[in-house]
C-alpha atoms as a PDB file:
ATOM      1  CA  UNK A   1     -52.251  78.753 123.793  1.00  0.00           C
ATOM      2  CA  UNK A   2     -54.987  77.902 121.315  1.00  0.00           C
ATOM      3  CA  UNK A   3     -52.393  76.750 118.742  1.00  0.00           C
ATOM      4  CA  UNK A   4     -50.767  74.542 121.355  1.00  0.00           C
ATOM      5  CA  UNK A   5     -54.083  72.827 122.057  1.00  0.00           C
ATOM      6  CA  UNK A   6     -54.742  72.351 118.347  1.00  0.00           C
ATOM      7  CA  UNK A   7     -51.312  70.797 117.870  1.00  0.00           C
ATOM      8  CA  UNK A   8     -51.882  68.531 120.893  1.00  0.00           C
ATOM      9  CA  UNK A   9     -55.291  67.443 119.564  1.00  0.00           C
ATOM     10  CA  UNK A  10     -53.844  66.822 116.110  1.00  0.00           C
ATOM     11  CA  UNK A  11     -51.053  64.715 117.590  1.00  0.00           C
ATOM     12  CA  UNK A  12     -53.564  62.757 119.691  1.00  0.00           C
ATOM     13  CA  UNK A  13     -55.800  62.171 116.660  1.00  0.00           C
ATOM     14  CA  UNK A  14     -52.870  60.914 114.592  1.00  0.00           C
ATOM     15  CA  UNK A  15     -51.567  58.725 117.411  1.00  0.00           C
ATOM     16  CA  UNK A  16     -54.980  57.169 118.083  1.00  0.00           C
ATOM     17  CA  UNK A  17     -56.111  56.887 114.466  1.00  0.00           C
ATOM     18  CA  UNK A  18     -56.379  53.673 112.486  1.00  0.00           C
ATOM     19  CA  UNK A  19     -53.777  52.314 110.118  1.00  0.00           C
ATOM     20  CA  UNK A  20     -52.619  54.522 107.306  1.00  0.00           C
ATOM     21  CA  UNK A  21     -50.580  53.841 104.216  1.00  0.00           C
ATOM     22  CA  UNK A  22     -48.107  56.459 105.434  1.00  0.00           C
ATOM     23  CA  UNK A  23     -47.571  55.132 108.954  1.00  0.00           C
ATOM     24  CA  UNK A  24     -44.352  53.294 109.701  1.00  0.00           C
ATOM     25  CA  UNK A  25     -44.453  49.697 110.879  1.00  0.00           C
ATOM     26  CA  UNK A  26     -42.207  48.292 113.645  1.00  0.00           C
ATOM     27  CA  UNK A  27     -40.487  45.881 111.274  1.00  0.00           C
ATOM     28  CA  UNK A  28     -39.593  48.703 108.898  1.00  0.00           C
ATOM     29  CA  UNK A  29     -35.927  48.585 107.824  1.00  0.00           C
ATOM     30  CA  UNK A  30     -33.647  51.587 108.232  1.00  0.00           C
ATOM     31  CA  UNK A  31     -33.244  52.690 104.611  1.00  0.00           C
ATOM     32  CA  UNK A  32     -33.816  55.564 102.274  1.00  0.00           C
ATOM     33  CA  UNK A  33     -37.166  55.882 100.435  1.00  0.00           C
ATOM     34  CA  UNK A  34     -35.566  54.449  97.301  1.00  0.00           C
ATOM     35  CA  UNK A  35     -34.356  51.396  99.210  1.00  0.00           C
ATOM     36  CA  UNK A  36     -30.772  52.083  98.125  1.00  0.00           C
ATOM     37  CA  UNK A  37     -29.562  53.239 101.514  1.00  0.00           C
ATOM     38  CA  UNK A  38     -28.441  56.525  99.953  1.00  0.00           C
ATOM     39  CA  UNK A  39     -28.688  59.569 102.176  1.00  0.00           C
ATOM     40  CA  UNK A  40     -29.927  62.696 100.435  1.00  0.00           C
ATOM     41  CA  UNK A  41     -29.149  64.916 103.437  1.00  0.00           C
ATOM     42  CA  UNK A  42     -32.697  64.696 104.751  1.00  0.00           C
ATOM     43  CA  UNK A  43     -33.595  64.370 108.402  1.00  0.00           C
ATOM     44  CA  UNK A  44     -36.743  62.532 107.395  1.00  0.00           C
ATOM     45  CA  UNK A  45     -37.303  59.122 109.002  1.00  0.00           C
ATOM     46  CA  UNK A  46     -37.095  55.932 106.984  1.00  0.00           C
ATOM     47  CA  UNK A  47     -40.082  55.633 104.681  1.00  0.00           C
ATOM     48  CA  UNK A  48     -42.879  53.095 105.000  1.00  0.00           C
ATOM     49  CA  UNK A  49     -42.341  49.941 102.994  1.00  0.00           C
ATOM     50  CA  UNK A  50     -44.571  47.049 102.106  1.00  0.00           C
ATOM     51  CA  UNK A  51     -43.828  43.329 102.554  1.00  0.00           C
ATOM     52  CA  UNK A  52     -41.946  43.195  99.245  1.00  0.00           C
ATOM     53  CA  UNK A  53     -39.574  45.961 100.357  1.00  0.00           C
ATOM     54  CA  UNK A  54     -41.153  48.377  97.855  1.00  0.00           C
ATOM     55  CA  UNK A  55     -42.617  51.673  99.080  1.00  0.00           C
ATOM     56  CA  UNK A  56     -46.256  51.320 100.073  1.00  0.00           C
ATOM     57  CA  UNK A  57     -49.162  53.650  99.462  1.00  0.00           C
ATOM     58  CA  UNK A  58     -50.357  55.881  96.685  1.00  0.00           C
ATOM     59  CA  UNK A  59     -48.787  59.295  96.097  1.00  0.00           C
ATOM     60  CA  UNK A  60     -50.763  62.350  97.207  1.00  0.00           C
ATOM     61  CA  UNK A  61     -51.103  64.693  94.207  1.00  0.00           C
ATOM     62  CA  UNK A  62     -49.914  68.262  94.856  1.00  0.00           C
ATOM     63  CA  UNK A  63     -49.433  71.416  92.809  1.00  0.00           C
ATOM     64  CA  UNK A  64     -46.827  74.116  93.402  1.00  0.00           C
ATOM     65  CA  UNK A  65     -48.040  76.615  96.005  1.00  0.00           C
ATOM     66  CA  UNK A  66     -45.189  79.081  95.467  1.00  0.00           C
ATOM     67  CA  UNK A  67     -43.469  81.193  97.240  1.00  0.00           C
ATOM     68  CA  UNK A  68     -42.608  79.374 100.441  1.00  0.00           C
ATOM     69  CA  UNK A  69     -40.233  80.098 103.297  1.00  0.00           C
ATOM     70  CA  UNK A  70     -36.684  78.732 102.899  1.00  0.00           C
ATOM     71  CA  UNK A  71     -37.244  76.746  99.686  1.00  0.00           C
ATOM     72  CA  UNK A  72     -34.771  73.920  99.111  1.00  0.00           C
ATOM     73  CA  UNK A  73     -34.159  71.314  96.414  1.00  0.00           C
ATOM     74  CA  UNK A  74     -35.844  67.961  97.028  1.00  0.00           C
ATOM     75  CA  UNK A  75     -34.720  64.754  95.266  1.00  0.00           C
ATOM     76  CA  UNK A  76     -37.445  62.745  93.550  1.00  0.00           C
ATOM     77  CA  UNK A  77     -37.876  58.971  93.215  1.00  0.00           C
ATOM     78  CA  UNK A  78     -39.396  58.583  89.751  1.00  0.00           C
ATOM     79  CA  UNK A  79     -40.514  60.553  86.711  1.00  0.00           C
ATOM     80  CA  UNK A  80     -42.920  58.581  84.538  1.00  0.00           C
ATOM     81  CA  UNK A  81     -43.831  59.976  81.115  1.00  0.00           C
ATOM     82  CA  UNK A  82     -47.490  60.157  80.160  1.00  0.00           C
ATOM     83  CA  UNK A  83     -48.683  58.207  77.107  1.00  0.00           C
ATOM     84  CA  UNK A  84     -48.195  61.180  74.762  1.00  0.00           C
ATOM     85  CA  UNK A  85     -44.745  61.995  76.242  1.00  0.00           C
ATOM     86  CA  UNK A  86     -45.664  65.639  76.823  1.00  0.00           C
ATOM     87  CA  UNK A  87     -45.786  65.379  80.632  1.00  0.00           C
ATOM     88  CA  UNK A  88     -44.049  63.586  83.484  1.00  0.00           C
ATOM     89  CA  UNK A  89     -45.609  62.293  86.688  1.00  0.00           C
ATOM     90  CA  UNK A  90     -42.914  63.004  89.291  1.00  0.00           C
ATOM     91  CA  UNK A  91     -43.005  61.148  92.638  1.00  0.00           C
ATOM     92  CA  UNK A  92     -40.980  61.984  95.767  1.00  0.00           C
ATOM     93  CA  UNK A  93     -40.982  61.516  99.528  1.00  0.00           C
ATOM     94  CA  UNK A  94     -41.764  64.509 101.686  1.00  0.00           C
ATOM     95  CA  UNK A  95     -43.186  65.582 105.040  1.00  0.00           C
ATOM     96  CA  UNK A  96     -46.537  66.983 106.122  1.00  0.00           C
ATOM     97  CA  UNK A  97     -47.911  70.398 105.288  1.00  0.00           C
ATOM     98  CA  UNK A  98     -47.538  73.218 106.235  1.00  0.00           C
ATOM     99  CA  UNK A  99     -43.877  72.395 106.974  1.00  0.00           C
ATOM    100  CA  UNK A 100     -43.232  70.742 103.582  1.00  0.00           C
ATOM    101  CA  UNK A 101     -45.035  72.455 100.704  1.00  0.00           C
ATOM    102  CA  UNK A 102     -44.133  72.202  97.011  1.00  0.00           C
ATOM    103  CA  UNK A 103     -42.824  75.680  96.172  1.00  0.00           C
ATOM    104  CA  UNK A 104     -42.053  75.252  92.481  1.00  0.00           C
ATOM    105  CA  UNK A 105     -40.805  72.879  89.792  1.00  0.00           C
ATOM    106  CA  UNK A 106     -38.017  73.993  87.456  1.00  0.00           C
ATOM    107  CA  UNK A 107     -37.624  72.204  84.126  1.00  0.00           C
ATOM    108  CA  UNK A 108     -34.652  72.609  81.776  1.00  0.00           C
ATOM    109  CA  UNK A 109     -34.985  70.926  78.402  1.00  0.00           C
ATOM    110  CA  UNK A 110     -32.197  70.229  75.927  1.00  0.00           C
ATOM    111  CA  UNK A 111     -32.050  67.991  72.846  1.00  0.00           C
ATOM    112  CA  UNK A 112     -30.614  65.122  74.964  1.00  0.00           C
ATOM    113  CA  UNK A 113     -32.115  65.498  78.433  1.00  0.00           C
ATOM    114  CA  UNK A 114     -34.803  66.998  80.631  1.00  0.00           C
ATOM    115  CA  UNK A 115     -33.740  68.184  84.091  1.00  0.00           C
ATOM    116  CA  UNK A 116     -36.531  68.387  86.675  1.00  0.00           C
ATOM    117  CA  UNK A 117     -35.828  70.126  89.987  1.00  0.00           C
ATOM    118  CA  UNK A 118     -38.396  70.182  92.791  1.00  0.00           C
ATOM    119  CA  UNK A 119     -38.290  72.855  95.498  1.00  0.00           C
ATOM    120  CA  UNK A 120     -40.103  72.616  98.834  1.00  0.00           C
ATOM    121  CA  UNK A 121     -40.370  75.043 101.718  1.00  0.00           C
ATOM    122  CA  UNK A 122     -42.633  75.990 104.609  1.00  0.00           C
ATOM    123  CA  UNK A 123     -46.027  77.594 103.990  1.00  0.00           C
ATOM    124  CA  UNK A 124     -45.743  81.383 104.476  1.00  0.00           C
ATOM    125  CA  UNK A 125     -49.105  81.434 106.258  1.00  0.00           C
ATOM    126  CA  UNK A 126     -47.758  79.132 108.992  1.00  0.00           C
ATOM    127  CA  UNK A 127     -44.218  80.305 109.769  1.00  0.00           C
ATOM    128  CA  UNK A 128     -44.338  78.984 113.355  1.00  0.00           C
ATOM    129  CA  UNK A 129     -45.948  75.630 112.573  1.00  0.00           C
ATOM    130  CA  UNK A 130     -44.625  72.504 114.238  1.00  0.00           C
ATOM    131  CA  UNK A 131     -45.081  69.314 112.227  1.00  0.00           C
ATOM    132  CA  UNK A 132     -44.638  65.636 112.956  1.00  0.00           C
ATOM    133  CA  UNK A 133     -41.865  63.874 111.061  1.00  0.00           C
ATOM    134  CA  UNK A 134     -43.570  61.300 108.892  1.00  0.00           C
ATOM    135  CA  UNK A 135     -42.773  60.351 105.314  1.00  0.00           C
ATOM    136  CA  UNK A 136     -45.470  61.033 102.744  1.00  0.00           C
ATOM    137  CA  UNK A 137     -45.265  60.034  99.095  1.00  0.00           C
ATOM    138  CA  UNK A 138     -46.279  62.972  96.887  1.00  0.00           C
ATOM    139  CA  UNK A 139     -46.645  63.453  93.129  1.00  0.00           C
ATOM    140  CA  UNK A 140     -46.989  66.319  90.699  1.00  0.00           C
ATOM    141  CA  UNK A 141     -47.492  66.544  86.953  1.00  0.00           C
ATOM    142  CA  UNK A 142     -44.773  68.365  85.016  1.00  0.00           C
ATOM    143  CA  UNK A 143     -45.612  69.616  81.508  1.00  0.00           C
ATOM    144  CA  UNK A 144     -42.847  69.616  78.902  1.00  0.00           C
ATOM    145  CA  UNK A 145     -42.324  72.100  76.032  1.00  0.00           C
ATOM    146  CA  UNK A 146     -41.662  69.203  73.648  1.00  0.00           C
ATOM    147  CA  UNK A 147     -42.409  65.475  73.854  1.00  0.00           C
ATOM    148  CA  UNK A 148     -39.840  63.449  75.818  1.00  0.00           C
ATOM    149  CA  UNK A 149     -39.031  61.367  72.705  1.00  0.00           C
ATOM    150  CA  UNK A 150     -36.216  59.291  74.225  1.00  0.00           C
ATOM    151  CA  UNK A 151     -34.510  62.098  76.135  1.00  0.00           C
ATOM    152  CA  UNK A 152     -32.974  61.238  79.496  1.00  0.00           C
ATOM    153  CA  UNK A 153     -34.769  62.593  82.596  1.00  0.00           C
ATOM    154  CA  UNK A 154     -32.403  63.949  85.270  1.00  0.00           C
ATOM    155  CA  UNK A 155     -33.058  64.921  88.896  1.00  0.00           C
ATOM    156  CA  UNK A 156     -31.780  68.470  89.382  1.00  0.00           C
ATOM    157  CA  UNK A 157     -31.516  67.966  93.183  1.00  0.00           C
ATOM    158  CA  UNK A 158     -28.963  65.139  92.975  1.00  0.00           C
END
C-alpha cells in the first residue's frame, strides 16, 4: 500500500510540476525521436520537439548500471566523437528509471567501422516498478580501443 501511495504522489508531483524540457507539448507532431517517422519497435510516445522540429532539451548523462532485468537493444540517435577521437558521446531516447536503465554498451571495432550497441532493462532492485511513459534524452560516453580516425560508426540495434 505504501508503494501505491508513493507512486500516486510521484504522479501528482509530475502532473502538477512546472514545465520541463522532457514534457510533451500539445502541438507535438506524431513522429519518431529522429523526426524520420521510422518506428524502432518501441512503445514509447512521440518525443518532445522544439519549434524548429529538432528534439529539445539536453541529454541526461548515464553510465551502465549492469545487470538489469530483460535487457534489450536500444537504437541511438547520434554518436559524436570527442576531439581526440578516442571516445564517442552516444545519445538516445529512453524512458524513466527504474523501468529503463542502461544495462551495458557493447563496442565492436574493426579497421573500417565501430559498432556501438546499447542495452537497457529494468533495475533489478525494482522488479515491480510502474513507470510513466515519457521520452527522456540520455547520453553516455563510450571509450574506444583506438582513435576513430575516419571509421564509420554503426548502431548495433538497427
